[in-house]
């Protein structure tokens, strides 16, 4: 019935700041950027390794996202990485606060979290 996850939609409070984060820091590729005048909203389509994955939206005055305490709904966005140490090194160069590395108790794989500009938790999980 289902083939794959098509994309994840993210609404940001500061479009330019979030665009810079996802493109310049995380390295996602811009597929297309549209300004929707009637909605006063940008829609930025982003890809990872040529695979469409994120729609980044801006809207005037969106309410703040509840991250802590953890609320019902989607918890976080996770990226698989080859080497978590190199990801941490890259993020550190960009002054991104990184949680301590943890070990998945079931897979023994290493992972860590950061937050995007709107405090959306982002996980990096080593393959």
Protein backbone atom coordinates (compact mmCIF):
# COMPACT_ATOMS: atom_id res chain seq x y z
CA UNK A 1 0.00 0.00 0.00
CA UNK A 2 2.64 2.57 1.03
CA UNK A 3 5.88 3.04 -0.89
CA UNK A 4 7.94 5.45 1.20
CA UNK A 5 7.74 8.69 3.13
CA UNK A 6 7.39 11.40 0.51
CA UNK A 7 8.37 14.43 2.58
CA UNK A 8 8.18 16.13 5.95
CA UNK A 9 6.68 19.62 6.22
CA UNK A 10 8.23 22.10 8.64
CA UNK A 11 6.84 25.55 9.49
CA UNK A 12 9.48 28.01 10.63
CA UNK A 13 9.27 31.35 12.41
CA UNK A 14 12.22 32.98 10.62
CA UNK A 15 12.42 31.85 7.01
CA UNK A 16 15.90 33.17 6.18
CA UNK A 17 17.41 31.75 9.37
CA UNK A 18 15.82 28.32 8.86
CA UNK A 19 16.69 28.28 5.16
CA UNK A 20 20.34 28.99 6.03
CA UNK A 21 20.30 26.25 8.68
CA UNK A 22 18.85 23.52 6.47
CA UNK A 23 20.82 24.49 3.34
CA UNK A 24 24.14 25.90 4.57
CA UNK A 25 24.62 23.90 7.77
CA UNK A 26 22.84 20.60 7.14
CA UNK A 27 23.63 20.69 3.41
CA UNK A 28 20.19 19.97 1.98
CA UNK A 29 19.75 20.87 -1.67
CA UNK A 30 17.19 23.42 -2.90
CA UNK A 31 14.82 21.94 -5.45
CA UNK A 32 12.55 24.96 -5.73
CA UNK A 33 11.60 28.07 -3.79
CA UNK A 34 8.20 29.68 -4.20
CA UNK A 35 6.72 32.78 -2.60
CA UNK A 36 2.95 32.47 -2.28
CA UNK A 37 1.71 36.06 -2.16
CA UNK A 38 -1.86 35.18 -1.13
CA UNK A 39 -0.53 33.38 1.95
CA UNK A 40 2.45 35.65 2.64
CA UNK A 41 4.38 32.40 2.73
CA UNK A 42 7.50 30.83 1.31
CA UNK A 43 7.59 27.17 0.35
CA UNK A 44 11.09 25.75 0.00
CA UNK A 45 11.42 22.22 -1.35
CA UNK A 46 14.61 20.51 -0.14
CA UNK A 47 16.35 17.29 -1.10
CA UNK A 48 18.93 15.01 0.49
CA UNK A 49 21.09 13.07 -1.98
CA UNK A 50 18.71 14.07 -4.79
CA UNK A 51 15.69 12.72 -2.87
CA UNK A 52 12.92 15.19 -2.08
CA UNK A 53 12.50 15.16 1.70
CA UNK A 54 11.48 18.46 3.33
CA UNK A 55 9.04 21.27 2.62
CA UNK A 56 10.06 24.34 4.62
CA UNK A 57 7.21 26.83 5.04
CA UNK A 58 7.03 30.32 6.44
CA UNK A 59 3.76 31.84 7.63
CA UNK A 60 3.12 35.16 9.35
CA UNK A 61 3.23 34.75 13.15
CA UNK A 62 3.01 30.95 13.56
CA UNK A 63 2.54 29.76 17.15
CA UNK A 64 5.63 28.45 18.94
CA UNK A 65 6.20 24.69 18.80
CA UNK A 66 6.05 22.75 22.05
CA UNK A 67 9.21 20.66 22.38
CA UNK A 68 9.63 20.38 26.12
CA UNK A 69 7.94 18.80 27.84
CA UNK A 70 7.50 16.39 24.97
CA UNK A 71 4.04 16.72 23.50
CA UNK A 72 1.81 14.34 21.55
CA UNK A 73 2.59 14.19 17.85
CA UNK A 74 5.72 13.86 15.80
CA UNK A 75 8.76 13.81 18.06
CA UNK A 76 11.73 14.59 15.84
CA UNK A 77 13.36 14.42 12.43
CA UNK A 78 16.18 11.85 12.13
CA UNK A 79 19.01 11.64 9.61
CA UNK A 80 21.16 8.56 9.08
CA UNK A 81 24.88 9.39 9.03
CA UNK A 82 27.99 7.36 8.26
CA UNK A 83 30.16 8.93 10.96
CA UNK A 84 28.63 10.78 13.88
CA UNK A 85 32.01 12.23 14.91
CA UNK A 86 32.41 14.07 11.60
CA UNK A 87 28.83 15.40 11.87
CA UNK A 88 29.55 16.68 15.38
CA UNK A 89 32.77 18.30 14.18
CA UNK A 90 30.88 20.04 11.35
CA UNK A 91 28.07 21.23 13.63
CA UNK A 92 30.54 22.47 16.23
CA UNK A 93 32.18 24.68 13.59
CA UNK A 94 28.77 26.30 13.10
CA UNK A 95 28.26 26.82 16.85
CA UNK A 96 25.37 24.36 17.01
CA UNK A 97 24.67 23.01 20.50
CA UNK A 98 24.87 19.21 20.46
CA UNK A 99 23.60 16.76 23.06
CA UNK A 100 25.95 14.08 24.36
CA UNK A 101 26.26 10.98 22.20
CA UNK A 102 24.00 8.17 23.35
CA UNK A 103 23.99 4.47 22.49
CA UNK A 104 20.76 2.82 21.31
CA UNK A 105 20.22 0.04 23.84
CA UNK A 106 18.74 -2.28 21.20
CA UNK A 107 21.05 -1.71 18.20
CA UNK A 108 24.19 -0.45 19.96
CA UNK A 109 24.32 2.38 17.39
CA UNK A 110 25.42 5.89 18.37
CA UNK A 111 23.10 8.89 18.05
CA UNK A 112 22.75 12.48 19.17
CA UNK A 113 20.35 15.40 18.91
CA UNK A 114 20.46 19.08 18.04
CA UNK A 115 17.65 21.62 17.63
CA UNK A 116 16.82 23.61 14.53
CA UNK A 117 16.23 27.39 14.80
CA UNK A 118 12.67 26.76 16.05
CA UNK A 119 13.71 24.11 18.59
CA UNK A 120 12.58 21.17 16.44
CA UNK A 121 14.64 18.18 17.65
CA UNK A 122 16.88 16.73 14.95
CA UNK A 123 18.57 13.38 15.46
CA UNK A 124 21.70 12.05 13.79
CA UNK A 125 21.83 8.24 13.90
CA UNK A 126 25.00 6.42 12.90
CA UNK A 127 24.49 3.50 10.54
